[in-house]
C-alpha cells in the first residue's frame, strides 16, 4: 500500500533565453534562471495532524486567503516568520533545483524535451526514496510540467502488488499542503534564482535544513549558489575538499539506482553529509544521532548505532569515500586537520585493541610454553606482523 504521500509544486518557467528583458525582441518579463520542484512528504497516518497545523498557520498569516509565496514576495522577514511556523509541522521536504542556464543543446528549446528531462530527474529522485508513493499536485496556472509528470509516472510505475505508486490532482485552494509545497518552492527560488535572489538566502537554507530529506541540485557542481563561504582559515585545502566531494559524488552516481536497503541508507547518509558541506557549513561535524534521525525519516524507523557504524559508515569508507570523524561526529573533510581528526580518533580505538591482543597473546604463549600462539594462523598474518616485536638485529644497530 501507499505508506507515504507527497504534495508537489513547481516554480519557474521553461524559457531559455536569458537575454535581459530590455534587449529582447519580445516584451515579456525576465526568464527564471532555475526550475524548482518541491514535494512535501509525510506518512499518511500524519496527514490529519499536518493539515490541522498548516491550516492554523494559514489562518494566522493569510486569513481567508491561500498560503502563497508570491503574495509574500520580497518580504523576507514575513517569509521567515511563516517558515518558522510551517517547519514545526510533521513533514519532510524533497527539492530538485535545476539551473536552466546549464541546459545545453537545441533540443531543450522544445518544451516537450525540456519537461521530459525534468520529469526524469524528479521521478528518479522521488521514487528511489519512496517506491510506494502517492503524489498529489494542485491544478493551477500552467500545468504542463505536472500533466506531463502524471503520464511519465503512469508509464514508468505500473501499479503492482508491491509497488503502488499513484498520482492525482486536487484544487490548490483546497489543499493547504499543496500550498505549503508552493511556499517552499518559492522560498528556494529566493535562494537560487537570479531574478528573485534574496540577501537572506543562506539563512533560509539553514532554516529549511532540518526538514530536507533531499536537495538535488543539477548540474552537480562543487559550489552551489547558496553555499556558505568557506571559513577563512589558513589550513583550508581547496584541492583536498574538492577531491573528497568528488569521491562522494562518484559513489552516489554508482549507487543512486540501487534498491538494496543498506545501499539506500548509505546514499541517504552521504547525501546529507554532502548537503551540509556544500550548502550549510563545511566545517561542522554532524552527530551520529542527527544522521541516524535523518535516515529514520526516510526509512520509517531509526537504525541502531551498530548498524549505522558497520553497515553505513564502514561500507562508505570501504568504497573509497573519505569521511572524517571525531567525538563530535562525521563530516566531509575540508582540510588536513579533519583527516587527522579521523586518524587520531581511530588511533584511540586501534591502539588499545592492539595492546589487549598483544597482552593476551603473550600470556597464553607464556602459560603454554610457546605451544599456543593465537596469531599463528594464515588469516591473522597482517595482525601478526603488526604485533611482532622488531628483530633483535634492528634493536642492536639502533634502527
Protein backbone atom coordinates (compact mmCIF):
# COMPACT_ATOMS: atom_id res chain seq x y z
CA UNK A 1 0.00 0.00 0.00
CA UNK A 2 0.99 3.68 -0.28
CA UNK A 3 2.66 4.45 3.04
CA UNK A 4 3.75 7.94 2.04
CA UNK A 5 2.02 10.83 0.35
CA UNK A 6 3.74 13.77 -1.32
CA UNK A 7 2.30 17.16 -2.26
CA UNK A 8 4.07 18.70 -5.23
CA UNK A 9 4.63 22.20 -6.52
CA UNK A 10 6.95 23.79 -9.04
CA UNK A 11 8.46 27.21 -9.54
CA UNK A 12 9.95 28.71 -12.69
CA UNK A 13 9.27 28.71 -16.41
CA UNK A 14 10.51 26.87 -19.49
CA UNK A 15 12.22 29.89 -21.05
CA UNK A 16 15.86 29.50 -22.04
CA UNK A 17 16.57 32.96 -23.46
CA UNK A 18 18.38 34.72 -20.63
CA UNK A 19 18.92 37.96 -22.50
CA UNK A 20 17.88 40.89 -20.26
CA UNK A 21 14.24 41.91 -20.99
CA UNK A 22 15.24 45.30 -22.40
CA UNK A 23 17.39 43.65 -25.07
CA UNK A 24 14.91 41.02 -26.23
CA UNK A 25 12.61 41.48 -29.19
CA UNK A 26 9.56 40.43 -27.18
CA UNK A 27 8.21 42.46 -24.27
CA UNK A 28 7.99 39.61 -21.76
CA UNK A 29 9.47 39.83 -18.28
CA UNK A 30 12.65 38.18 -17.02
CA UNK A 31 13.10 34.47 -17.57
CA UNK A 32 13.78 32.40 -14.47
CA UNK A 33 17.32 31.06 -14.28
CA UNK A 34 16.16 27.97 -12.38
CA UNK A 35 13.29 25.49 -12.37
CA UNK A 36 12.41 24.11 -8.95
CA UNK A 37 10.28 21.12 -7.97
CA UNK A 38 9.36 20.56 -4.33
CA UNK A 39 7.48 17.79 -2.58
CA UNK A 40 6.13 17.86 0.96
CA UNK A 41 6.33 14.21 2.06
CA UNK A 42 4.81 12.56 5.09
CA UNK A 43 3.30 9.33 6.30
CA UNK A 44 -0.42 9.05 5.69
CA UNK A 45 -1.02 8.48 9.37
CA UNK A 46 0.34 12.01 9.98
CA UNK A 47 -1.87 13.64 7.36
CA UNK A 48 -4.68 14.90 9.59
CA UNK A 49 -2.27 16.34 12.16
CA UNK A 50 -0.21 18.07 9.47
CA UNK A 51 -3.24 19.58 7.73
CA UNK A 52 -4.60 20.91 11.03
CA UNK A 53 -1.31 22.58 11.93
CA UNK A 54 -0.81 24.10 8.47
CA UNK A 55 -4.38 25.40 8.47
CA UNK A 56 -3.62 27.24 11.71
CA UNK A 57 -0.59 28.84 10.05
CA UNK A 58 -2.70 29.83 7.04
CA UNK A 59 -5.33 31.49 9.20
CA UNK A 60 -2.71 33.36 11.20
CA UNK A 61 -0.73 34.81 8.29
CA UNK A 62 -3.11 34.73 5.31
CA UNK A 63 -6.52 34.98 7.00
CA UNK A 64 -9.04 33.94 4.32
CA UNK A 65 -6.51 33.56 1.50
CA UNK A 66 -4.27 30.70 0.44
CA UNK A 67 -0.65 30.22 1.51
CA UNK A 68 1.17 31.76 -1.44
CA UNK A 69 4.84 32.50 -1.84
CA UNK A 70 4.07 35.12 -4.49
CA UNK A 71 1.92 37.13 -2.08
CA UNK A 72 4.81 37.35 0.39
CA UNK A 73 7.26 38.29 -2.36
CA UNK A 74 10.42 40.01 -1.14
CA UNK A 75 9.23 40.48 2.45
CA UNK A 76 11.89 38.17 3.87
CA UNK A 77 11.06 38.98 7.49
CA UNK A 78 7.48 37.80 6.97
CA UNK A 79 8.67 34.81 4.94
CA UNK A 80 10.95 33.73 7.75
CA UNK A 81 8.15 34.02 10.33
CA UNK A 82 5.86 31.86 8.19
CA UNK A 83 8.59 29.29 7.58
CA UNK A 84 9.37 29.00 11.28
CA UNK A 85 5.75 28.05 11.91
CA UNK A 86 5.39 25.72 8.91
CA UNK A 87 8.56 23.84 9.76
CA UNK A 88 7.11 22.66 13.08
CA UNK A 89 4.62 20.54 11.10
CA UNK A 90 5.47 16.79 10.78
CA UNK A 91 6.57 16.65 7.14
CA UNK A 92 9.83 16.41 5.23
CA UNK A 93 10.93 18.22 2.08
CA UNK A 94 12.21 16.89 -1.23
CA UNK A 95 13.60 19.53 -3.58
CA UNK A 96 15.00 19.48 -7.10
CA UNK A 97 16.77 22.66 -8.23
CA UNK A 98 17.73 22.82 -11.91
CA UNK A 99 19.95 25.59 -13.24
CA UNK A 100 18.43 26.09 -16.70
CA UNK A 101 21.48 28.04 -17.86
CA UNK A 102 23.36 24.73 -17.90
CA UNK A 103 20.90 23.03 -20.26
CA UNK A 104 22.93 22.66 -23.44
CA UNK A 105 21.71 21.72 -26.89
CA UNK A 106 18.97 22.81 -29.25
CA UNK A 107 16.67 20.04 -28.06
CA UNK A 108 15.91 21.79 -24.79
CA UNK A 109 14.32 24.70 -26.65
CA UNK A 110 11.46 22.33 -27.43
CA UNK A 111 9.15 22.36 -24.44
CA UNK A 112 8.50 18.62 -24.64
CA UNK A 113 12.23 17.84 -24.34
CA UNK A 114 12.65 20.38 -21.56
CA UNK A 115 9.86 18.89 -19.47
CA UNK A 116 10.81 15.29 -20.23
CA UNK A 117 14.28 15.98 -18.85
CA UNK A 118 12.78 17.45 -15.67
CA UNK A 119 10.35 14.54 -15.36
CA UNK A 120 13.22 12.08 -15.44
CA UNK A 121 15.17 13.90 -12.73
CA UNK A 122 12.18 14.27 -10.41
CA UNK A 123 10.99 10.71 -10.95
CA UNK A 124 14.39 9.15 -10.31
CA UNK A 125 14.94 11.01 -7.05
CA UNK A 126 11.43 10.67 -5.63
CA UNK A 127 10.80 7.03 -6.42
CA UNK A 128 14.27 5.93 -5.40
CA UNK A 129 13.40 7.14 -1.92
CA UNK A 130 9.72 6.18 -1.87
CA UNK A 131 8.81 3.27 -4.19
CA UNK A 132 5.22 3.26 -2.87
CA UNK A 133 4.27 6.90 -3.07
CA UNK A 134 1.03 8.73 -3.70
CA UNK A 135 1.69 12.04 -5.44
CA UNK A 136 -0.72 14.95 -5.19
CA UNK A 137 -0.42 18.14 -7.26
CA UNK A 138 -2.54 21.25 -7.49
CA UNK A 139 -4.49 22.44 -10.50
CA UNK A 140 -3.38 25.96 -11.24
CA UNK A 141 -1.77 28.05 -13.95
CA UNK A 142 0.45 26.33 -16.49
CA UNK A 143 0.10 22.62 -15.73
CA UNK A 144 2.37 21.35 -18.49
CA UNK A 145 5.03 20.13 -16.08
CA UNK A 146 2.60 18.34 -13.77
CA UNK A 147 0.40 16.96 -16.55
CA UNK A 148 3.44 15.51 -18.26
CA UNK A 149 4.74 14.16 -14.97
CA UNK A 150 1.46 12.31 -14.42
CA UNK A 151 1.91 10.50 -17.73
CA UNK A 152 5.59 9.88 -17.04
CA UNK A 153 4.84 8.30 -13.66
CA UNK A 154 1.99 6.26 -15.13
CA UNK A 155 4.21 4.88 -17.90
CA UNK A 156 7.12 4.02 -15.63
CA UNK A 157 5.35 2.85 -12.49
CA UNK A 158 2.54 0.47 -13.38
CA UNK A 159 0.94 -0.42 -10.02
CA UNK A 160 1.65 -3.94 -8.78
CA UNK A 161 1.11 -5.77 -5.53
CA UNK A 162 4.46 -4.44 -4.28
CA UNK A 163 4.56 -1.04 -5.95
CA UNK A 164 1.51 1.15 -5.52
CA UNK A 165 2.77 4.45 -6.96
CA UNK A 166 -0.06 6.78 -7.97
CA UNK A 167 -0.70 10.41 -8.94
CA UNK A 168 -3.73 12.69 -8.66
CA UNK A 169 -4.66 16.36 -8.93
CA UNK A 170 -6.52 18.44 -6.36
CA UNK A 171 -7.77 22.01 -6.15
CA UNK A 172 -4.82 24.05 -4.87
CA UNK A 173 -7.12 26.40 -3.00
CA UNK A 174 -8.49 23.47 -1.03
CA UNK A 175 -5.17 21.79 -0.14
CA UNK A 176 -3.01 23.58 2.41
CA UNK A 177 -0.22 21.04 1.88
CA UNK A 178 -0.02 21.79 -1.85
CA UNK A 179 0.10 25.45 -0.83
CA UNK A 180 2.93 24.64 1.58
CA UNK A 181 4.88 22.96 -1.22
CA UNK A 182 4.36 26.10 -3.30
CA UNK A 183 5.64 28.28 -0.46
CA UNK A 184 8.76 26.14 -0.04
CA UNK A 185 9.39 26.22 -3.81
CA UNK A 186 9.11 30.00 -3.79
CA UNK A 187 11.48 30.20 -0.83
CA UNK A 188 14.06 28.05 -2.61
CA UNK A 189 13.70 30.35 -5.61
CA UNK A 190 14.70 33.20 -3.30
CA UNK A 191 17.81 31.13 -2.51
CA UNK A 192 18.84 30.21 -6.05
CA UNK A 193 17.13 32.08 -8.87
CA UNK A 194 18.97 35.18 -10.05
CA UNK A 195 15.73 37.03 -10.81
CA UNK A 196 14.45 36.90 -7.20
CA UNK A 197 17.64 36.25 -5.21
CA UNK A 198 17.40 37.24 -1.55
CA UNK A 199 20.15 38.58 0.72
CA UNK A 200 18.71 36.17 3.32
CA UNK A 201 19.20 33.09 1.14
CA UNK A 202 21.77 31.45 3.39
CA UNK A 203 19.57 31.83 6.47
CA UNK A 204 16.63 30.35 4.55
CA UNK A 205 18.66 27.25 3.69
CA UNK A 206 19.77 26.96 7.31
CA UNK A 207 16.14 27.17 8.38
CA UNK A 208 14.99 24.53 5.89
CA UNK A 209 17.92 22.20 6.58
CA UNK A 210 16.37 20.01 9.32
CA UNK A 211 13.38 19.26 7.09
CA UNK A 212 15.27 18.50 3.88
CA UNK A 213 15.26 14.82 3.01
CA UNK A 214 16.93 15.62 -0.30
CA UNK A 215 18.02 18.76 -2.06
CA UNK A 216 19.12 17.68 -5.52
CA UNK A 217 20.96 20.39 -7.39
CA UNK A 218 21.52 19.98 -11.12
CA UNK A 219 24.11 20.09 -12.53
CA UNK A 220 26.04 18.56 -9.69
CA UNK A 221 28.65 21.27 -9.28
CA UNK A 222 31.12 21.71 -6.43
CA UNK A 223 29.99 25.16 -5.28
CA UNK A 224 26.23 25.81 -5.43
CA UNK A 225 24.93 29.36 -5.34
CA UNK A 226 23.98 29.39 -1.67
CA UNK A 227 26.94 27.52 -0.25
CA UNK A 228 28.35 29.43 2.69
CA UNK A 229 31.73 30.98 2.18
CA UNK A 230 34.50 28.65 3.23
CA UNK A 231 35.83 29.54 6.67
CA UNK A 232 38.78 31.86 6.28
CA UNK A 233 41.31 29.50 7.76
CA UNK A 234 44.84 29.09 6.57
CA UNK A 235 44.53 25.31 6.82
CA UNK A 236 41.61 25.09 4.36
CA UNK A 237 42.68 22.95 1.41
CA UNK A 238 40.51 23.55 -1.67
CA UNK A 239 42.09 20.69 -3.61
CA UNK A 240 41.53 18.24 -0.77
CA UNK A 241 37.94 19.39 -0.28
CA UNK A 242 37.20 19.03 -3.99
CA UNK A 243 38.74 15.55 -4.03
CA UNK A 244 36.61 14.39 -1.08
CA UNK A 245 33.41 15.83 -2.56
CA UNK A 246 34.23 14.23 -5.91
CA UNK A 247 34.76 10.81 -4.34
CA UNK A 248 31.41 11.14 -2.59
CA UNK A 249 29.69 12.10 -5.84
CA UNK A 250 31.28 9.14 -7.62
CA UNK A 251 29.71 6.81 -5.06
CA UNK A 252 26.30 8.46 -5.46
CA UNK A 253 26.43 8.15 -9.24
CA UNK A 254 27.18 4.43 -8.91
CA UNK A 255 24.57 3.67 -6.26
CA UNK A 256 21.65 6.06 -6.80
CA UNK A 257 19.62 3.44 -8.66
CA UNK A 258 20.23 0.72 -6.06
CA UNK A 259 17.23 -0.79 -4.27
CA UNK A 260 19.35 -2.55 -1.65
CA UNK A 261 18.16 -1.23 1.76
CA UNK A 262 21.72 -0.89 3.03
CA UNK A 263 22.90 0.98 -0.06
CA UNK A 264 19.85 3.25 0.09
CA UNK A 265 20.84 4.07 3.69
CA UNK A 266 24.42 4.71 2.59
CA UNK A 267 23.25 7.06 -0.16
CA UNK A 268 20.91 8.87 2.25
CA UNK A 269 23.70 9.38 4.79
CA UNK A 270 26.23 10.53 2.20
CA UNK A 271 23.78 12.93 0.57
CA UNK A 272 23.18 14.53 3.96
CA UNK A 273 26.91 14.90 4.61
CA UNK A 274 27.46 16.45 1.18
CA UNK A 275 24.46 18.75 1.58
CA UNK A 276 25.87 20.12 4.83
CA UNK A 277 29.30 20.57 3.36
CA UNK A 278 28.09 22.42 0.29
CA UNK A 279 25.02 24.30 1.49
CA UNK A 280 25.31 24.83 5.23
CA UNK A 281 28.73 24.74 6.91
CA UNK A 282 31.75 22.82 5.56
CA UNK A 283 33.47 22.96 8.95
CA UNK A 284 30.65 21.43 11.01
CA UNK A 285 30.65 17.86 12.27
CA UNK A 286 27.29 16.08 12.24
CA UNK A 287 26.50 13.78 15.14
CA UNK A 288 25.61 10.12 14.72
CA UNK A 289 22.23 10.87 16.27
CA UNK A 290 21.41 13.53 13.67
CA UNK A 291 22.48 11.32 10.77
CA UNK A 292 20.53 8.35 12.13
CA UNK A 293 17.43 10.52 12.66
CA UNK A 294 17.66 11.72 9.06
CA UNK A 295 17.92 8.14 7.82
CA UNK A 296 14.99 7.21 10.04
CA UNK A 297 12.78 9.82 8.39
CA UNK A 298 13.34 8.17 5.03
CA UNK A 299 13.22 4.50 6.04
CA UNK A 300 10.40 4.82 8.60
CA UNK A 301 12.46 3.77 11.63
CA UNK A 302 15.79 4.79 13.07
CA UNK A 303 18.72 2.38 12.65
CA UNK A 304 20.76 1.19 15.59
CA UNK A 305 24.15 2.73 16.25
CA UNK A 306 25.83 -0.60 15.45
CA UNK A 307 24.03 -0.82 12.10
CA UNK A 308 24.91 2.79 11.33
CA UNK A 309 28.59 2.28 12.05
CA UNK A 310 29.03 -1.15 10.43
CA UNK A 311 26.51 -1.09 7.56
CA UNK A 312 26.57 2.57 6.56
CA UNK A 313 29.77 4.43 7.50
CA UNK A 314 32.15 1.46 7.21
CA UNK A 315 30.99 0.39 3.70
CA UNK A 316 31.16 4.01 2.51
CA UNK A 317 34.78 4.17 3.61
CA UNK A 318 35.47 0.74 2.14
CA UNK A 319 34.14 2.06 -1.19
CA UNK A 320 36.68 4.89 -1.15
CA UNK A 321 34.55 7.70 0.26
CA UNK A 322 36.64 9.81 2.63
CA UNK A 323 34.68 10.67 5.78
CA UNK A 324 36.32 12.42 8.70
CA UNK A 325 35.16 11.54 12.20
CA UNK A 326 35.83 12.56 15.75
CA UNK A 327 33.98 12.58 19.05
CA UNK A 328 31.88 15.40 17.53
CA UNK A 329 30.53 13.27 14.68
CA UNK A 330 31.17 12.93 10.95
CA UNK A 331 31.86 15.26 8.02
CA UNK A 332 33.34 15.55 4.55
CA UNK A 333 36.95 16.72 5.06
CA UNK A 334 37.90 20.24 4.02
CA UNK A 335 41.43 20.39 5.43
CA UNK A 336 44.26 18.25 6.74
CA UNK A 337 43.16 18.70 10.35
CA UNK A 338 39.86 16.96 9.51
CA UNK A 339 41.82 13.95 8.29
CA UNK A 340 43.97 13.94 11.40
CA UNK A 341 40.81 14.08 13.48
CA UNK A 342 39.87 10.78 11.82
CA UNK A 343 43.34 9.28 12.32
CA UNK A 344 43.53 10.41 15.94
CA UNK A 345 40.03 9.18 16.70
CA UNK A 346 40.80 5.83 15.08
CA UNK A 347 44.11 5.65 16.94
CA UNK A 348 42.35 5.93 20.30
CA UNK A 349 40.39 2.81 19.36
CA UNK A 350 43.02 0.79 17.48
CA UNK A 351 45.95 1.15 19.88
CA UNK A 352 44.11 -0.10 22.99
CA UNK A 353 42.73 -3.05 20.99
CA UNK A 354 46.18 -3.97 19.70
CA UNK A 355 47.58 -3.68 23.21
CA UNK A 356 44.93 -6.03 24.61
CA UNK A 357 45.54 -8.58 21.86
CA UNK A 358 49.30 -8.40 22.43
CA UNK A 359 48.92 -8.97 26.19
CA UNK A 360 46.52 -11.87 25.66
CA UNK A 361 48.86 -13.46 23.13
CA UNK A 362 51.92 -13.10 25.35
CA UNK A 363 50.24 -14.56 28.42
CA UNK A 364 48.90 -17.57 26.53
CA UNK A 365 52.30 -18.22 24.95
CA UNK A 366 53.98 -17.94 28.33
CA UNK A 367 51.47 -20.21 30.06
CA UNK A 368 51.74 -22.89 27.35
CA UNK A 369 55.47 -22.68 26.88
CA UNK A 370 55.00 -21.34 23.38
CA UNK A 371 52.78 -24.23 22.30
CA UNK A 372 49.86 -21.91 21.51
CA UNK A 373 50.33 -18.73 19.51
CA UNK A 374 46.93 -17.14 18.97
CA UNK A 375 48.12 -15.31 15.85
CA UNK A 376 49.82 -18.28 14.23
CA UNK A 377 47.13 -18.66 11.59
CA UNK A 378 47.08 -17.55 7.99
CA UNK A 379 44.05 -15.28 8.44
CA UNK A 380 45.93 -13.34 11.15
CA UNK A 381 49.09 -12.77 9.11
CA UNK A 382 48.67 -8.99 8.92
CA UNK A 383 47.80 -8.72 12.59
CA UNK A 384 50.76 -10.94 13.47
CA UNK A 385 53.07 -8.66 11.53
CA UNK A 386 51.75 -5.60 13.35
CA UNK A 387 52.26 -7.15 16.78
CA UNK A 388 55.53 -8.98 16.24
CA UNK A 389 58.43 -7.34 18.07
CA UNK A 390 61.18 -5.89 15.83
CA UNK A 391 64.12 -8.22 15.17
CA UNK A 392 66.98 -8.09 17.66
CA UNK A 393 69.37 -7.08 14.89
CA UNK A 394 67.41 -3.86 14.36
CA UNK A 395 67.42 -3.14 18.09
CA UNK A 396 71.15 -3.79 18.33
CA UNK A 397 72.00 -1.49 15.44
CA UNK A 398 69.72 1.26 16.70
CA UNK A 399 67.47 1.15 13.64
